[in-house]
PDB file of N, CA and C in Angstrom:
ATOM      1  N   UNK A   1       4.478   5.965  -2.496  1.00  0.00           N
ATOM      2  CA  UNK A   1       3.031   5.915  -2.557  1.00  0.00           C
ATOM      3  C   UNK A   1       2.457   7.290  -2.905  1.00  0.00           C
ATOM      4  N   UNK A   2       3.138   8.376  -2.617  1.00  0.00           N
ATOM      5  CA  UNK A   2       2.548   9.700  -2.789  1.00  0.00           C
ATOM      6  C   UNK A   2       2.096   9.986  -4.220  1.00  0.00           C
ATOM      7  N   UNK A   3       2.784   9.453  -5.240  1.00  0.00           N
ATOM      8  CA  UNK A   3       2.346   9.675  -6.618  1.00  0.00           C
ATOM      9  C   UNK A   3       1.094   8.870  -6.957  1.00  0.00           C
ATOM     10  N   UNK A   4       0.679   7.977  -6.074  1.00  0.00           N
ATOM     11  CA  UNK A   4      -0.517   7.165  -6.287  1.00  0.00           C
ATOM     12  C   UNK A   4      -1.726   7.687  -5.513  1.00  0.00           C
ATOM     13  N   UNK A   5      -1.561   8.765  -4.774  1.00  0.00           N
ATOM     14  CA  UNK A   5      -2.656   9.315  -3.979  1.00  0.00           C
ATOM     15  C   UNK A   5      -3.738   9.862  -4.908  1.00  0.00           C
ATOM     16  N   UNK A   6      -4.980   9.474  -4.648  1.00  0.00           N
ATOM     17  CA  UNK A   6      -6.158   9.932  -5.389  1.00  0.00           C
ATOM     18  C   UNK A   6      -6.131   9.560  -6.867  1.00  0.00           C
ATOM     19  N   UNK A   7      -5.417   8.509  -7.219  1.00  0.00           N
ATOM     20  CA  UNK A   7      -5.369   8.013  -8.591  1.00  0.00           C
ATOM     21  C   UNK A   7      -5.999   6.624  -8.594  1.00  0.00           C
ATOM     22  N   UNK A   8      -6.946   6.405  -9.482  1.00  0.00           N
ATOM     23  CA  UNK A   8      -7.572   5.090  -9.542  1.00  0.00           C
ATOM     24  C   UNK A   8      -6.577   4.072 -10.091  1.00  0.00           C
ATOM     25  N   UNK A   9      -6.402   2.983  -9.362  1.00  0.00           N
ATOM     26  CA  UNK A   9      -5.524   1.897  -9.788  1.00  0.00           C
ATOM     27  C   UNK A   9      -6.238   0.568  -9.578  1.00  0.00           C
ATOM     28  N   UNK A  10      -5.757  -0.435 -10.284  1.00  0.00           N
ATOM     29  CA  UNK A  10      -6.291  -1.777 -10.097  1.00  0.00           C
ATOM     30  C   UNK A  10      -5.348  -2.535  -9.173  1.00  0.00           C
ATOM     31  N   UNK A  11      -5.815  -2.812  -7.977  1.00  0.00           N
ATOM     32  CA  UNK A  11      -5.031  -3.576  -7.006  1.00  0.00           C
ATOM     33  C   UNK A  11      -5.085  -5.034  -7.427  1.00  0.00           C
ATOM     34  N   UNK A  12      -3.930  -5.627  -7.691  1.00  0.00           N
ATOM     35  CA  UNK A  12      -3.886  -7.001  -8.181  1.00  0.00           C
ATOM     36  C   UNK A  12      -3.447  -7.998  -7.115  1.00  0.00           C
ATOM     37  N   UNK A  13      -2.517  -7.579  -6.260  1.00  0.00           N
ATOM     38  CA  UNK A  13      -1.986  -8.498  -5.247  1.00  0.00           C
ATOM     39  C   UNK A  13      -1.327  -7.687  -4.140  1.00  0.00           C
ATOM     40  N   UNK A  14      -1.403  -8.188  -2.930  1.00  0.00           N
ATOM     41  CA  UNK A  14      -0.732  -7.568  -1.791  1.00  0.00           C
ATOM     42  C   UNK A  14      -0.043  -8.660  -0.996  1.00  0.00           C
ATOM     43  N   UNK A  15       1.174  -8.373  -0.596  1.00  0.00           N
ATOM     44  CA  UNK A  15       1.945  -9.377   0.136  1.00  0.00           C
ATOM     45  C   UNK A  15       2.710  -8.706   1.276  1.00  0.00           C
ATOM     46  N   UNK A  16       2.585  -9.287   2.440  1.00  0.00           N
ATOM     47  CA  UNK A  16       3.309  -8.797   3.614  1.00  0.00           C
ATOM     48  C   UNK A  16       4.806  -9.040   3.406  1.00  0.00           C
ATOM     49  N   UNK A  17       5.640  -8.101   3.789  1.00  0.00           N
ATOM     50  CA  UNK A  17       7.094  -8.224   3.644  1.00  0.00           C
ATOM     51  C   UNK A  17       7.782  -8.009   4.986  1.00  0.00           C
ATOM     52  N   UNK A  18       8.943  -8.619   5.122  1.00  0.00           N
ATOM     53  CA  UNK A  18       9.740  -8.476   6.337  1.00  0.00           C
ATOM     54  C   UNK A  18      10.324  -7.067   6.413  1.00  0.00           C
ATOM     55  N   UNK A  19      10.675  -6.619   7.605  1.00  0.00           N
ATOM     56  CA  UNK A  19      11.297  -5.295   7.747  1.00  0.00           C
ATOM     57  C   UNK A  19      12.627  -5.231   6.995  1.00  0.00           C
ATOM     58  N   UNK A  20      13.018  -4.010   6.608  1.00  0.00           N
ATOM     59  CA  UNK A  20      14.324  -3.795   5.983  1.00  0.00           C
ATOM     60  C   UNK A  20      15.441  -4.088   6.979  1.00  0.00           C
ATOM     61  N   UNK A  21      16.607  -4.422   6.470  1.00  0.00           N
ATOM     62  CA  UNK A  21      17.820  -4.531   7.286  1.00  0.00           C
ATOM     63  C   UNK A  21      18.815  -3.512   6.741  1.00  0.00           C
ATOM     64  N   UNK A  22      19.516  -2.808   7.645  1.00  0.00           N
ATOM     65  CA  UNK A  22      20.531  -1.874   7.177  1.00  0.00           C
ATOM     66  C   UNK A  22      21.824  -2.623   6.898  1.00  0.00           C
ATOM     67  N   UNK A  23      22.868  -1.892   6.488  1.00  0.00           N
ATOM     68  CA  UNK A  23      24.132  -2.546   6.112  1.00  0.00           C
ATOM     69  C   UNK A  23      24.806  -3.268   7.274  1.00  0.00           C
ATOM     70  N   UNK A  24      24.421  -2.958   8.517  1.00  0.00           N
ATOM     71  CA  UNK A  24      24.970  -3.636   9.694  1.00  0.00           C
ATOM     72  C   UNK A  24      24.096  -4.803  10.156  1.00  0.00           C
ATOM     73  N   UNK A  25      23.027  -5.069   9.407  1.00  0.00           N
ATOM     74  CA  UNK A  25      22.138  -6.169   9.771  1.00  0.00           C
ATOM     75  C   UNK A  25      21.094  -5.789  10.794  1.00  0.00           C
ATOM     76  N   UNK A  26      21.034  -4.504  11.157  1.00  0.00           N
ATOM     77  CA  UNK A  26      20.032  -4.051  12.128  1.00  0.00           C
ATOM     78  C   UNK A  26      18.699  -3.832  11.425  1.00  0.00           C
ATOM     79  N   UNK A  27      17.634  -4.206  12.105  1.00  0.00           N
ATOM     80  CA  UNK A  27      16.305  -4.054  11.527  1.00  0.00           C
ATOM     81  C   UNK A  27      15.907  -2.588  11.513  1.00  0.00           C
ATOM     82  N   UNK A  28      15.407  -2.135  10.377  1.00  0.00           N
ATOM     83  CA  UNK A  28      14.907  -0.774  10.243  1.00  0.00           C
ATOM     84  C   UNK A  28      13.401  -0.817  10.094  1.00  0.00           C
ATOM     85  N   UNK A  29      12.734   0.062  10.759  1.00  0.00           N
ATOM     86  CA  UNK A  29      11.287   0.184  10.658  1.00  0.00           C
ATOM     87  C   UNK A  29      10.574  -1.152  10.794  1.00  0.00           C
ATOM     88  N   UNK A  30       9.293  -1.109  10.720  1.00  0.00           N
ATOM     89  CA  UNK A  30       8.496  -2.309  10.930  1.00  0.00           C
ATOM     90  C   UNK A  30       8.036  -2.959   9.658  1.00  0.00           C
ATOM     91  N   UNK A  31       6.917  -3.579   9.763  1.00  0.00           N
ATOM     92  CA  UNK A  31       6.326  -4.356   8.680  1.00  0.00           C
ATOM     93  C   UNK A  31       6.060  -3.493   7.445  1.00  0.00           C
ATOM     94  N   UNK A  32       6.084  -4.132   6.281  1.00  0.00           N
ATOM     95  CA  UNK A  32       5.792  -3.468   5.010  1.00  0.00           C
ATOM     96  C   UNK A  32       4.805  -4.320   4.234  1.00  0.00           C
ATOM     97  N   UNK A  33       4.201  -3.723   3.219  1.00  0.00           N
ATOM     98  CA  UNK A  33       3.362  -4.466   2.295  1.00  0.00           C
ATOM     99  C   UNK A  33       3.774  -4.087   0.878  1.00  0.00           C
ATOM    100  N   UNK A  34       3.918  -5.101   0.021  1.00  0.00           N
ATOM    101  CA  UNK A  34       4.201  -4.879  -1.399  1.00  0.00           C
ATOM    102  C   UNK A  34       2.876  -5.011  -2.137  1.00  0.00           C
ATOM    103  N   UNK A  35       2.569  -4.018  -2.961  1.00  0.00           N
ATOM    104  CA  UNK A  35       1.312  -4.013  -3.703  1.00  0.00           C
ATOM    105  C   UNK A  35       1.619  -4.059  -5.197  1.00  0.00           C
ATOM    106  N   UNK A  36       1.073  -5.065  -5.873  1.00  0.00           N
ATOM    107  CA  UNK A  36       1.187  -5.149  -7.330  1.00  0.00           C
ATOM    108  C   UNK A  36      -0.071  -4.515  -7.899  1.00  0.00           C
ATOM    109  N   UNK A  37       0.096  -3.586  -8.846  1.00  0.00           N
ATOM    110  CA  UNK A  37      -1.047  -2.861  -9.380  1.00  0.00           C
ATOM    111  C   UNK A  37      -0.816  -2.488 -10.833  1.00  0.00           C
ATOM    112  N   UNK A  38      -1.892  -2.038 -11.488  1.00  0.00           N
ATOM    113  CA  UNK A  38      -1.797  -1.461 -12.826  1.00  0.00           C
ATOM    114  C   UNK A  38      -2.788  -0.310 -12.886  1.00  0.00           C
ATOM    115  N   UNK A  39      -2.603   0.540 -13.880  1.00  0.00           N
ATOM    116  CA  UNK A  39      -3.569   1.603 -14.104  1.00  0.00           C
ATOM    117  C   UNK A  39      -4.706   1.023 -14.940  1.00  0.00           C
ATOM    118  N   UNK A  40      -5.935   1.494 -14.764  1.00  0.00           N
ATOM    119  CA  UNK A  40      -7.067   0.956 -15.523  1.00  0.00           C
ATOM    120  C   UNK A  40      -6.804   0.983 -17.024  1.00  0.00           C
ATOM    121  N   UNK A  41      -7.237  -0.060 -17.704  1.00  0.00           N
ATOM    122  CA  UNK A  41      -7.125  -0.192 -19.159  1.00  0.00           C
ATOM    123  C   UNK A  41      -5.684  -0.263 -19.666  1.00  0.00           C
ATOM    124  N   UNK A  42      -4.750  -0.677 -18.808  1.00  0.00           N
ATOM    125  CA  UNK A  42      -3.373  -0.916 -19.235  1.00  0.00           C
ATOM    126  C   UNK A  42      -2.955  -2.300 -18.760  1.00  0.00           C
ATOM    127  N   UNK A  43      -2.005  -2.879 -19.428  1.00  0.00           N
ATOM    128  CA  UNK A  43      -1.530  -4.204 -19.043  1.00  0.00           C
ATOM    129  C   UNK A  43      -0.237  -4.162 -18.244  1.00  0.00           C
ATOM    130  N   UNK A  44       0.477  -3.040 -18.287  1.00  0.00           N
ATOM    131  CA  UNK A  44       1.740  -2.923 -17.577  1.00  0.00           C
ATOM    132  C   UNK A  44       1.490  -2.934 -16.077  1.00  0.00           C
ATOM    133  N   UNK A  45       2.202  -3.812 -15.378  1.00  0.00           N
ATOM    134  CA  UNK A  45       2.052  -3.908 -13.927  1.00  0.00           C
ATOM    135  C   UNK A  45       3.190  -3.174 -13.233  1.00  0.00           C
ATOM    136  N   UNK A  46       2.878  -2.650 -12.053  1.00  0.00           N
ATOM    137  CA  UNK A  46       3.832  -1.899 -11.241  1.00  0.00           C
ATOM    138  C   UNK A  46       3.781  -2.445  -9.819  1.00  0.00           C
ATOM    139  N   UNK A  47       4.782  -2.078  -9.030  1.00  0.00           N
ATOM    140  CA  UNK A  47       4.826  -2.443  -7.613  1.00  0.00           C
ATOM    141  C   UNK A  47       5.107  -1.204  -6.789  1.00  0.00           C
ATOM    142  N   UNK A  48       4.552  -1.169  -5.608  1.00  0.00           N
ATOM    143  CA  UNK A  48       4.908  -0.156  -4.640  1.00  0.00           C
ATOM    144  C   UNK A  48       4.990  -0.849  -3.285  1.00  0.00           C
ATOM    145  N   UNK A  49       5.807  -0.298  -2.409  1.00  0.00           N
ATOM    146  CA  UNK A  49       5.950  -0.847  -1.058  1.00  0.00           C
ATOM    147  C   UNK A  49       5.594   0.255  -0.077  1.00  0.00           C
ATOM    148  N   UNK A  50       4.789  -0.081   0.922  1.00  0.00           N
ATOM    149  CA  UNK A  50       4.362   0.895   1.911  1.00  0.00           C
ATOM    150  C   UNK A  50       4.628   0.386   3.314  1.00  0.00           C
ATOM    151  N   UNK A  51       4.949   1.311   4.201  1.00  0.00           N
ATOM    152  CA  UNK A  51       5.093   0.999   5.625  1.00  0.00           C
ATOM    153  C   UNK A  51       3.957   1.602   6.440  1.00  0.00           C
ATOM    154  N   UNK A  52       2.974   2.194   5.743  1.00  0.00           N
ATOM    155  CA  UNK A  52       1.844   2.815   6.420  1.00  0.00           C
ATOM    156  C   UNK A  52       1.013   1.731   7.107  1.00  0.00           C
ATOM    157  N   UNK A  53       0.942   1.783   8.414  1.00  0.00           N
ATOM    158  CA  UNK A  53       0.224   0.763   9.196  1.00  0.00           C
ATOM    159  C   UNK A  53      -1.236   0.669   8.748  1.00  0.00           C
ATOM    160  N   UNK A  54      -1.901   1.805   8.578  1.00  0.00           N
ATOM    161  CA  UNK A  54      -3.314   1.766   8.197  1.00  0.00           C
ATOM    162  C   UNK A  54      -3.491   1.211   6.789  1.00  0.00           C
ATOM    163  N   UNK A  55      -2.591   1.540   5.863  1.00  0.00           N
ATOM    164  CA  UNK A  55      -2.688   1.009   4.506  1.00  0.00           C
ATOM    165  C   UNK A  55      -2.403  -0.492   4.493  1.00  0.00           C
ATOM    166  N   UNK A  56      -1.404  -0.922   5.248  1.00  0.00           N
ATOM    167  CA  UNK A  56      -1.097  -2.356   5.348  1.00  0.00           C
ATOM    168  C   UNK A  56      -2.329  -3.111   5.844  1.00  0.00           C
ATOM    169  N   UNK A  57      -2.913  -2.638   6.924  1.00  0.00           N
ATOM    170  CA  UNK A  57      -4.086  -3.308   7.495  1.00  0.00           C
ATOM    171  C   UNK A  57      -5.233  -3.366   6.497  1.00  0.00           C
ATOM    172  N   UNK A  58      -5.515  -2.240   5.834  1.00  0.00           N
ATOM    173  CA  UNK A  58      -6.654  -2.180   4.910  1.00  0.00           C
ATOM    174  C   UNK A  58      -6.443  -3.063   3.689  1.00  0.00           C
ATOM    175  N   UNK A  59      -5.250  -3.009   3.090  1.00  0.00           N
ATOM    176  CA  UNK A  59      -4.971  -3.806   1.893  1.00  0.00           C
ATOM    177  C   UNK A  59      -5.025  -5.297   2.207  1.00  0.00           C
ATOM    178  N   UNK A  60      -4.460  -5.699   3.325  1.00  0.00           N
ATOM    179  CA  UNK A  60      -4.488  -7.117   3.679  1.00  0.00           C
ATOM    180  C   UNK A  60      -5.893  -7.575   4.054  1.00  0.00           C
ATOM    181  N   UNK A  61      -6.708  -6.660   4.549  1.00  0.00           N
ATOM    182  CA  UNK A  61      -8.098  -6.979   4.898  1.00  0.00           C
ATOM    183  C   UNK A  61      -8.919  -7.342   3.659  1.00  0.00           C
ATOM    184  N   UNK A  62      -8.627  -6.703   2.524  1.00  0.00           N
ATOM    185  CA  UNK A  62      -9.397  -6.938   1.294  1.00  0.00           C
ATOM    186  C   UNK A  62      -8.613  -7.751   0.260  1.00  0.00           C
ATOM    187  N   UNK A  63      -7.533  -8.352   0.690  1.00  0.00           N
ATOM    188  CA  UNK A  63      -6.652  -9.111  -0.208  1.00  0.00           C
ATOM    189  C   UNK A  63      -7.399 -10.167  -1.017  1.00  0.00           C
ATOM    190  N   UNK A  64      -8.337 -10.857  -0.400  1.00  0.00           N
ATOM    191  CA  UNK A  64      -9.066 -11.935  -1.089  1.00  0.00           C
ATOM    192  C   UNK A  64     -10.037 -11.414  -2.149  1.00  0.00           C
ATOM    193  N   UNK A  65     -10.298 -10.126  -2.158  1.00  0.00           N
ATOM    194  CA  UNK A  65     -11.214  -9.534  -3.136  1.00  0.00           C
ATOM    195  C   UNK A  65     -10.485  -9.030  -4.388  1.00  0.00           C
ATOM    196  N   UNK A  66      -9.165  -9.115  -4.407  1.00  0.00           N
ATOM    197  CA  UNK A  66      -8.388  -8.616  -5.551  1.00  0.00           C
ATOM    198  C   UNK A  66      -8.576  -9.511  -6.752  1.00  0.00           C
ATOM    199  N   UNK A  67      -8.560  -8.975  -7.962  1.00  0.00           N
ATOM    200  CA  UNK A  67      -8.284  -7.582  -8.317  1.00  0.00           C
ATOM    201  C   UNK A  67      -9.530  -6.706  -8.191  1.00  0.00           C
ATOM    202  N   UNK A  68      -9.319  -5.425  -7.889  1.00  0.00           N
ATOM    203  CA  UNK A  68     -10.398  -4.444  -7.824  1.00  0.00           C
ATOM    204  C   UNK A  68      -9.829  -3.058  -8.072  1.00  0.00           C
ATOM    205  N   UNK A  69     -10.693  -2.140  -8.469  1.00  0.00           N
ATOM    206  CA  UNK A  69     -10.299  -0.752  -8.683  1.00  0.00           C
ATOM    207  C   UNK A  69     -10.563   0.049  -7.418  1.00  0.00           C
ATOM    208  N   UNK A  70      -9.601   0.902  -7.060  1.00  0.00           N
ATOM    209  CA  UNK A  70      -9.752   1.756  -5.886  1.00  0.00           C
ATOM    210  C   UNK A  70      -8.694   2.851  -5.932  1.00  0.00           C
ATOM    211  N   UNK A  71      -8.781   3.758  -4.974  1.00  0.00           N
ATOM    212  CA  UNK A  71      -7.795   4.826  -4.836  1.00  0.00           C
ATOM    213  C   UNK A  71      -7.149   4.749  -3.461  1.00  0.00           C
ATOM    214  N   UNK A  72      -5.879   5.067  -3.393  1.00  0.00           N
ATOM    215  CA  UNK A  72      -5.207   5.266  -2.108  1.00  0.00           C
ATOM    216  C   UNK A  72      -5.471   6.721  -1.749  1.00  0.00           C
ATOM    217  N   UNK A  73      -6.011   6.938  -0.578  1.00  0.00           N
ATOM    218  CA  UNK A  73      -6.302   8.305  -0.170  1.00  0.00           C
ATOM    219  C   UNK A  73      -5.648   8.614   1.170  1.00  0.00           C
ATOM    220  N   UNK A  74      -5.372   9.887   1.371  1.00  0.00           N
ATOM    221  CA  UNK A  74      -4.798  10.354   2.630  1.00  0.00           C
ATOM    222  C   UNK A  74      -5.927  10.951   3.455  1.00  0.00           C
ATOM    223  N   UNK A  75      -6.026  10.528   4.694  1.00  0.00           N
ATOM    224  CA  UNK A  75      -7.042  11.049   5.603  1.00  0.00           C
ATOM    225  C   UNK A  75      -6.367  11.623   6.833  1.00  0.00           C
ATOM    226  N   UNK A  76      -7.148  12.332   7.613  1.00  0.00           N
ATOM    227  CA  UNK A  76      -6.654  12.907   8.862  1.00  0.00           C
ATOM    228  C   UNK A  76      -7.543  12.389   9.997  1.00  0.00           C
ATOM    229  N   UNK A  77      -6.920  11.861  11.025  1.00  0.00           N
ATOM    230  CA  UNK A  77      -7.669  11.339  12.170  1.00  0.00           C
ATOM    231  C   UNK A  77      -8.218  12.495  13.007  1.00  0.00           C
ATOM    232  N   UNK A  78      -9.053  12.168  13.975  1.00  0.00           N
ATOM    233  CA  UNK A  78      -9.618  13.177  14.869  1.00  0.00           C
ATOM    234  C   UNK A  78      -8.521  13.905  15.638  1.00  0.00           C
ATOM    235  N   UNK A  79      -7.395  13.245  15.841  1.00  0.00           N
ATOM    236  CA  UNK A  79      -6.263  13.860  16.553  1.00  0.00           C
ATOM    237  C   UNK A  79      -5.341  14.642  15.625  1.00  0.00           C
ATOM    238  N   UNK A  80      -5.674  14.646  14.319  1.00  0.00           N
ATOM    239  CA  UNK A  80      -4.880  15.414  13.367  1.00  0.00           C
ATOM    240  C   UNK A  80      -3.754  14.647  12.706  1.00  0.00           C
ATOM    241  N   UNK A  81      -3.636  13.364  12.983  1.00  0.00           N
ATOM    242  CA  UNK A  81      -2.576  12.559  12.378  1.00  0.00           C
ATOM    243  C   UNK A  81      -3.014  12.094  10.991  1.00  0.00           C
ATOM    244  N   UNK A  82      -2.114  12.230  10.005  1.00  0.00           N
ATOM    245  CA  UNK A  82      -2.431  11.778   8.642  1.00  0.00           C
ATOM    246  C   UNK A  82      -2.147  10.287   8.500  1.00  0.00           C
ATOM    247  N   UNK A  83      -2.978   9.617   7.691  1.00  0.00           N
ATOM    248  CA  UNK A  83      -2.773   8.203   7.419  1.00  0.00           C
ATOM    249  C   UNK A  83      -3.325   7.891   6.039  1.00  0.00           C
ATOM    250  N   UNK A  84      -2.925   6.729   5.481  1.00  0.00           N
ATOM    251  CA  UNK A  84      -3.376   6.306   4.165  1.00  0.00           C
ATOM    252  C   UNK A  84      -4.324   5.122   4.278  1.00  0.00           C
ATOM    253  N   UNK A  85      -5.303   5.086   3.393  1.00  0.00           N
ATOM    254  CA  UNK A  85      -6.229   3.968   3.299  1.00  0.00           C
ATOM    255  C   UNK A  85      -6.685   3.852   1.846  1.00  0.00           C
ATOM    256  N   UNK A  86      -7.542   2.899   1.558  1.00  0.00           N
ATOM    257  CA  UNK A  86      -8.048   2.776   0.190  1.00  0.00           C
ATOM    258  C   UNK A  86      -9.569   2.909   0.191  1.00  0.00           C
ATOM    259  N   UNK A  87     -10.074   3.450  -0.891  1.00  0.00           N
ATOM    260  CA  UNK A  87     -11.528   3.591  -1.066  1.00  0.00           C
ATOM    261  C   UNK A  87     -11.874   3.283  -2.491  1.00  0.00           C
TER     262      UNK A  87
END
């Protein structure tokens, strides 16, 4: 996701994904979201997967409004923790 920070993209679809499994079948990390997107004025579509809780929540919250143009941005909470969201 870092190469997509502060870059305008067209969000086309978001889908919740199951956690990864390692080679031993153990679950790694939590929930993920797959985002299908393109850059404005291009037809080529791309995918990215994020485990950012705040980005997952925000993207799924506006899922029914897709497609739309927005940027993924990094913010800092009052406690100093960084997180991703869209604007």
